[in-house]
Amino acid sequence: QVQLVESGGGLMQAGGALRLSCVASGRRFETYAMGWFRQPPGKEREFVAAIDWSGNRIYYADSVKGRFTISRDNAKNTVYLQMTSLKPEDTAVYYCAAKVKTGVTHGLTYSEEYDFWGQGTQVTVSS
């Protein structure tokens, strides 16, 4: 079992910035691919960003490219999502996810690829 704990959400005005953190349990964090997803109010969960185990492959949703940055610190078992130029449409519950199994079936932009999920952290952006 891998436990994921997100933090850093909150209320921010449009144009502002927030950094989300996700700390993972487990001794092999450096082998996990990690992803961030979000669920806006009344909508389905959607992909935001993902980073492979090495940090060399990074993926973003078109809606956040150029504004959000995903990164990881394997020494701290932590993945980050730096969010800048926030927009009201970024309002959502943000979830961290870990892929611990080897091999890729659907791709890191698909929620089905991930094995463990955090409880989520609320991000609200006011206009």
Foldseek 3Di string as FASTA:
>chain_A
DKAKAKDWADEAAAQAKIKMKIAIDDDPLLQKKKFKWWAAPPGDIFGAKIAGSPRPDIDGDPVQPPFWDWDDDVVRNMIMIIGGSDDQVVWTWMKMFIQRDDDADPDPRDPVRTDDIYPTDTHGYHD
